[in-house]
Amino acid sequence: METPLLKEMKSGLLLCIQFFTIIPYKKEIPWEKKTIQWCLLTFPLIGLIIGVIGWIQLWSLTTITPLSSLFVSFWILFYFVAISGGLHLDGWMDCSDAYFSYRDQDKRLEIMEDPRVGSFAVFSVLFLLGFRFLFIYELIQLNRALTFSAVLLIPVLSRGMVVFMLIKGKLAKDTGLAAAFQKGVSSHLFKVSALITLVIAASIGFFLHQIGVTILLLVASILFLIGFYSFCKKQFGGMNGDTLGALLEGGETFLWFVLWLLLYFVTA
């Protein structure tokens, strides 16, 4: 028999799946405070599920098939973008258009709401994915063990960053998806979400014997989160749904970059 707590956890997880992945689940989930809280708490868990699916694909493509590292790298890049339906990448593009407009904060927020895609959005997403592809490709070529760790850890940590910023961050406006989620946040949620993220990341590190890499990526995630949130407050007056998507996509690329630096300047 399903207890009320278990039902809330299940509803939160399913709401998270509905909002942030393309995994089909069409049943309507009630928008309640407890459901929202569990949705946020399970976001790093969704990252783990996404990472495990990616890990299985990476292992299969590099072990069972004769496919080239070039194709495998592109497929892993495609998978991580596609699994969220491009939702977070859309946030990166909207933020790019707004920032490079060099307008005041109010006008930048208006530009974010514009459904049209500008040239700066196109340029920025090409460079973002281009660099991420480069990092993935060279890691697969030179250190597959590090790549397997990244595929599991990065989706968890990037989603942990989003939860932390959503819970603690100042809203740029009182409407939108970020505002709707933040209304369901309670004071203790930050500590619980941090604990969940740390437990998942540490478990991955122990399982793969990559504790050092895990600590490095945790520190890099914290630094990137602090820097990105400061950027959002200065440029947009705070955070919204688009900046959260940009945080996730930019954070993932930054963490791949950190591992690429580790490959060349530490382990070389």
Protein backbone atom coordinates (compact mmCIF):
# COMPACT_ATOMS: atom_id res chain seq x y z
CA MET A 1 0.00 0.00 0.00
CA GLU A 2 1.30 3.44 -0.99
CA THR A 3 1.92 5.79 1.95
CA PRO A 4 1.28 9.57 1.60
CA LEU A 5 5.05 10.26 1.67
CA LEU A 6 5.76 7.68 -1.00
CA LYS A 7 2.95 9.09 -3.11
CA GLU A 8 4.41 12.61 -2.83
CA MET A 9 7.88 11.36 -3.78
CA LYS A 10 6.49 9.45 -6.76
CA SER A 11 4.45 12.46 -7.93
CA GLY A 12 7.49 14.74 -7.62
CA LEU A 13 9.66 12.36 -9.61
CA LEU A 14 7.04 12.00 -12.34
CA LEU A 15 6.56 15.79 -12.47
CA CYS A 16 10.32 16.17 -12.88
CA ILE A 17 10.31 13.62 -15.71
CA GLN A 18 7.40 15.42 -17.41
CA PHE A 19 9.00 18.84 -17.23
CA PHE A 20 12.64 18.11 -17.89
CA THR A 21 12.88 15.05 -20.13
CA ILE A 22 11.29 13.67 -23.27
CA ILE A 23 10.42 10.42 -21.47
CA PRO A 24 6.69 10.05 -22.21
CA TYR A 25 4.36 10.28 -19.21
CA LYS A 26 1.06 12.00 -19.99
CA LYS A 27 -0.86 11.54 -16.76
CA GLU A 28 -1.63 14.88 -15.08
CA ILE A 29 0.34 15.51 -11.87
CA PRO A 30 -1.22 17.81 -9.23
CA TRP A 31 0.70 21.09 -8.82
CA GLU A 32 1.08 21.12 -5.05
CA LYS A 33 3.79 22.42 -2.71
CA LYS A 34 4.97 18.97 -1.63
CA THR A 35 5.01 17.76 -5.24
CA ILE A 36 7.11 20.76 -6.30
CA GLN A 37 9.55 20.15 -3.46
CA TRP A 38 10.01 16.51 -4.38
CA CYS A 39 10.33 17.50 -8.03
CA LEU A 40 13.30 19.69 -7.14
CA LEU A 41 14.82 17.11 -4.81
CA THR A 42 14.65 14.42 -7.48
CA PHE A 43 16.20 16.60 -10.22
CA PRO A 44 19.75 15.32 -9.47
CA LEU A 45 18.28 11.79 -9.48
CA ILE A 46 16.93 12.47 -12.97
CA GLY A 47 20.49 13.49 -13.84
CA LEU A 48 21.69 10.11 -12.58
CA ILE A 49 19.09 8.27 -14.67
CA ILE A 50 20.11 10.29 -17.74
CA GLY A 51 23.77 9.59 -16.97
CA VAL A 52 23.23 5.84 -16.57
CA ILE A 53 21.42 5.65 -19.91
CA GLY A 54 24.26 7.65 -21.48
CA TRP A 55 26.86 5.40 -19.79
CA ILE A 56 25.19 2.28 -21.24
CA GLN A 57 25.19 3.85 -24.70
CA LEU A 58 28.82 4.90 -24.42
CA TRP A 59 29.87 1.43 -23.24
CA SER A 60 27.90 -0.26 -26.02
CA LEU A 61 29.20 2.01 -28.76
CA THR A 62 32.85 1.79 -27.68
CA THR A 63 32.89 -1.90 -26.72
CA ILE A 64 30.46 -3.76 -28.95
CA THR A 65 30.40 -1.74 -32.16
CA PRO A 66 33.26 -0.80 -34.51
CA LEU A 67 32.05 2.81 -34.74
CA SER A 68 34.62 5.59 -34.73
CA SER A 69 35.31 7.87 -31.78
CA LEU A 70 34.07 10.74 -33.93
CA PHE A 71 30.61 9.21 -34.27
CA VAL A 72 30.47 8.13 -30.61
CA SER A 73 31.35 11.66 -29.47
CA PHE A 74 28.67 13.19 -31.64
CA TRP A 75 26.10 10.65 -30.47
CA ILE A 76 26.81 11.36 -26.78
CA LEU A 77 26.53 15.09 -27.46
CA PHE A 78 23.25 14.54 -29.32
CA TYR A 79 21.84 12.31 -26.59
CA PHE A 80 22.39 14.78 -23.75
CA VAL A 81 20.76 17.58 -25.74
CA ALA A 82 17.88 15.46 -27.02
CA ILE A 83 16.93 13.81 -23.70
CA SER A 84 15.70 17.17 -22.38
CA GLY A 85 13.96 18.04 -25.64
CA GLY A 86 16.31 21.00 -26.13
CA LEU A 87 14.56 22.79 -23.23
CA HIS A 88 17.75 23.89 -21.48
CA LEU A 89 19.51 24.74 -24.72
CA ASP A 90 16.63 27.08 -25.56
CA GLY A 91 17.40 28.92 -22.31
CA TRP A 92 21.05 29.28 -23.31
CA MET A 93 20.02 30.76 -26.66
CA ASP A 94 17.51 33.19 -25.15
CA CYS A 95 20.10 34.39 -22.63
CA SER A 96 22.65 34.87 -25.39
CA ASP A 97 20.27 36.99 -27.45
CA ALA A 98 19.39 39.07 -24.39
CA TYR A 99 22.97 39.59 -23.20
CA PHE A 100 24.43 40.48 -26.57
CA SER A 101 21.67 43.01 -27.23
CA TYR A 102 23.54 45.32 -24.80
CA ARG A 103 20.23 46.80 -23.61
CA ASP A 104 19.01 47.56 -20.10
CA GLN A 105 17.76 44.80 -17.80
CA ASP A 106 14.06 45.27 -18.54
CA LYS A 107 14.65 45.11 -22.28
CA ARG A 108 16.82 42.02 -21.88
CA LEU A 109 14.01 40.26 -20.05
CA GLU A 110 11.64 41.20 -22.88
CA ILE A 111 14.07 39.74 -25.42
CA MET A 112 14.17 36.46 -23.46
CA GLU A 113 10.40 36.17 -23.84
CA ASP A 114 10.57 36.72 -27.60
CA PRO A 115 10.08 33.32 -29.33
CA ARG A 116 12.19 34.39 -32.29
CA VAL A 117 15.82 33.27 -32.51
CA GLY A 118 18.46 35.90 -33.13
CA SER A 119 21.88 35.61 -34.75
CA PHE A 120 23.69 35.80 -31.40
CA ALA A 121 21.72 32.80 -30.17
CA VAL A 122 22.80 30.80 -33.21
CA PHE A 123 26.45 31.78 -32.88
CA SER A 124 26.55 31.07 -29.14
CA VAL A 125 24.93 27.64 -29.38
CA LEU A 126 27.26 26.62 -32.19
CA PHE A 127 30.31 27.52 -30.12
CA LEU A 128 28.85 25.95 -26.96
CA LEU A 129 28.16 22.60 -28.61
CA GLY A 130 31.27 22.80 -30.78
CA PHE A 131 33.56 23.12 -27.79
CA ARG A 132 31.67 20.45 -25.85
CA PHE A 133 32.01 18.08 -28.80
CA LEU A 134 35.75 18.77 -28.92
CA PHE A 135 36.17 18.02 -25.21
CA ILE A 136 34.13 14.80 -25.43
CA TYR A 137 35.97 13.62 -28.54
CA GLU A 138 39.46 14.15 -27.12
CA LEU A 139 38.51 12.54 -23.81
CA ILE A 140 37.17 9.46 -25.62
CA GLN A 141 40.32 9.32 -27.70
CA LEU A 142 42.79 9.71 -24.85
CA ASN A 143 41.13 8.62 -21.61
CA ARG A 144 37.92 6.59 -21.84
CA ALA A 145 37.83 5.93 -18.09
CA LEU A 146 37.58 9.66 -17.49
CA THR A 147 34.85 9.91 -20.11
CA PHE A 148 32.77 7.20 -18.43
CA SER A 149 33.05 9.10 -15.15
CA ALA A 150 32.01 12.34 -16.82
CA VAL A 151 28.93 10.82 -18.46
CA LEU A 152 27.65 9.79 -15.01
CA LEU A 153 28.79 12.75 -12.91
CA ILE A 154 28.15 15.78 -15.12
CA PRO A 155 24.35 15.35 -15.54
CA VAL A 156 23.99 15.00 -11.76
CA LEU A 157 26.12 18.01 -10.86
CA SER A 158 24.67 20.29 -13.54
CA ARG A 159 21.14 19.59 -12.27
CA GLY A 160 22.31 20.06 -8.71
CA MET A 161 23.51 23.53 -9.69
CA VAL A 162 20.10 24.36 -11.15
CA VAL A 163 18.32 23.30 -7.95
CA PHE A 164 20.67 25.33 -5.74
CA MET A 165 20.21 28.47 -7.83
CA LEU A 166 16.45 28.02 -7.99
CA ILE A 167 16.20 27.61 -4.21
CA LYS A 168 18.60 30.40 -3.18
CA GLY A 169 18.56 32.73 -6.17
CA LYS A 170 16.80 36.06 -6.53
CA LEU A 171 14.09 36.09 -9.18
CA ALA A 172 14.43 38.50 -12.08
CA LYS A 173 10.62 38.65 -12.26
CA ASP A 174 7.72 37.27 -10.26
CA THR A 175 6.18 35.34 -13.13
CA GLY A 176 7.29 32.35 -15.17
CA LEU A 177 8.34 28.77 -14.50
CA ALA A 178 11.17 29.63 -12.10
CA ALA A 179 8.84 31.77 -9.98
CA ALA A 180 6.22 29.01 -9.94
CA PHE A 181 8.78 26.49 -8.70
CA GLN A 182 10.30 28.83 -6.13
CA LYS A 183 6.91 29.38 -4.52
CA GLY A 184 6.99 25.75 -3.42
CA VAL A 185 10.44 26.01 -1.84
CA SER A 186 10.86 25.68 1.93
CA SER A 187 13.87 26.82 3.98
CA HIS A 188 15.29 23.34 4.63
CA LEU A 189 15.19 22.29 0.98
CA PHE A 190 18.65 23.63 0.15
CA LYS A 191 20.43 21.40 2.69
CA VAL A 192 18.44 18.34 1.66
CA SER A 193 19.08 18.90 -2.07
CA ALA A 194 22.80 19.46 -1.38
CA LEU A 195 22.96 16.22 0.59
CA ILE A 196 21.20 14.26 -2.16
CA THR A 197 23.55 15.64 -4.82
CA LEU A 198 26.63 14.90 -2.71
CA VAL A 199 25.48 11.35 -1.92
CA ILE A 200 24.81 10.57 -5.59
CA ALA A 201 28.12 12.10 -6.73
CA ALA A 202 30.12 10.38 -3.98
CA SER A 203 28.49 7.04 -4.79
CA ILE A 204 29.48 7.41 -8.44
CA GLY A 205 33.02 8.34 -7.42
CA PHE A 206 33.37 5.28 -5.16
CA PHE A 207 31.80 2.97 -7.74
CA LEU A 208 34.17 4.12 -10.51
CA HIS A 209 37.19 4.63 -8.21
CA GLN A 210 37.30 8.28 -9.24
CA ILE A 211 37.08 10.13 -5.91
CA GLY A 212 39.64 12.74 -6.96
CA VAL A 213 37.77 13.50 -10.18
CA THR A 214 34.49 13.71 -8.27
CA ILE A 215 35.92 16.24 -5.79
CA LEU A 216 37.40 18.27 -8.64
CA LEU A 217 34.07 18.44 -10.46
CA LEU A 218 32.22 19.32 -7.25
CA VAL A 219 34.56 22.26 -6.62
CA ALA A 220 34.32 23.33 -10.28
CA SER A 221 30.50 23.18 -10.07
CA ILE A 222 30.42 25.42 -6.99
CA LEU A 223 32.75 27.97 -8.59
CA PHE A 224 30.78 28.01 -11.84
CA LEU A 225 27.48 28.37 -9.96
CA ILE A 226 28.76 31.33 -7.94
CA GLY A 227 30.17 33.04 -11.03
CA PHE A 228 27.10 32.43 -13.17
CA TYR A 229 24.66 33.62 -10.51
CA SER A 230 26.68 36.85 -10.08
CA PHE A 231 26.54 37.30 -13.84
CA CYS A 232 22.75 36.82 -13.88
CA LYS A 233 22.17 39.35 -11.10
CA LYS A 234 24.29 41.94 -12.87
CA GLN A 235 22.96 41.42 -16.38
CA PHE A 236 19.33 40.37 -15.83
CA GLY A 237 18.53 41.42 -12.27
CA GLY A 238 18.29 37.83 -11.11
CA MET A 239 17.36 34.44 -12.46
CA ASN A 240 14.46 33.04 -14.45
CA GLY A 241 13.69 29.86 -16.37
CA ASP A 242 15.98 30.79 -19.25
CA THR A 243 18.97 31.50 -17.00
CA LEU A 244 18.44 28.14 -15.28
CA GLY A 245 18.58 26.41 -18.65
CA ALA A 246 21.68 28.39 -19.55
CA LEU A 247 23.24 27.42 -16.22
CA LEU A 248 22.71 23.73 -16.93
CA GLU A 249 24.05 23.84 -20.49
CA GLY A 250 26.91 26.19 -19.70
CA GLY A 251 27.73 24.21 -16.56
CA GLU A 252 27.92 20.92 -18.44
CA THR A 253 30.25 22.38 -21.05
CA PHE A 254 32.40 23.94 -18.31
CA LEU A 255 32.72 20.60 -16.49
CA TRP A 256 33.73 18.83 -19.72
CA PHE A 257 36.28 21.63 -20.17
CA VAL A 258 37.67 21.04 -16.67
CA LEU A 259 38.17 17.35 -17.44
CA TRP A 260 39.80 18.25 -20.75
CA LEU A 261 42.24 20.51 -18.87
CA LEU A 262 42.87 17.69 -16.40
CA LEU A 263 43.66 15.38 -19.29
CA TYR A 264 46.27 17.66 -20.82
CA PHE A 265 47.81 19.53 -17.90
CA VAL A 266 47.58 17.15 -14.93
CA THR A 267 47.50 13.55 -16.15
CA ALA A 268 49.76 14.12 -19.16
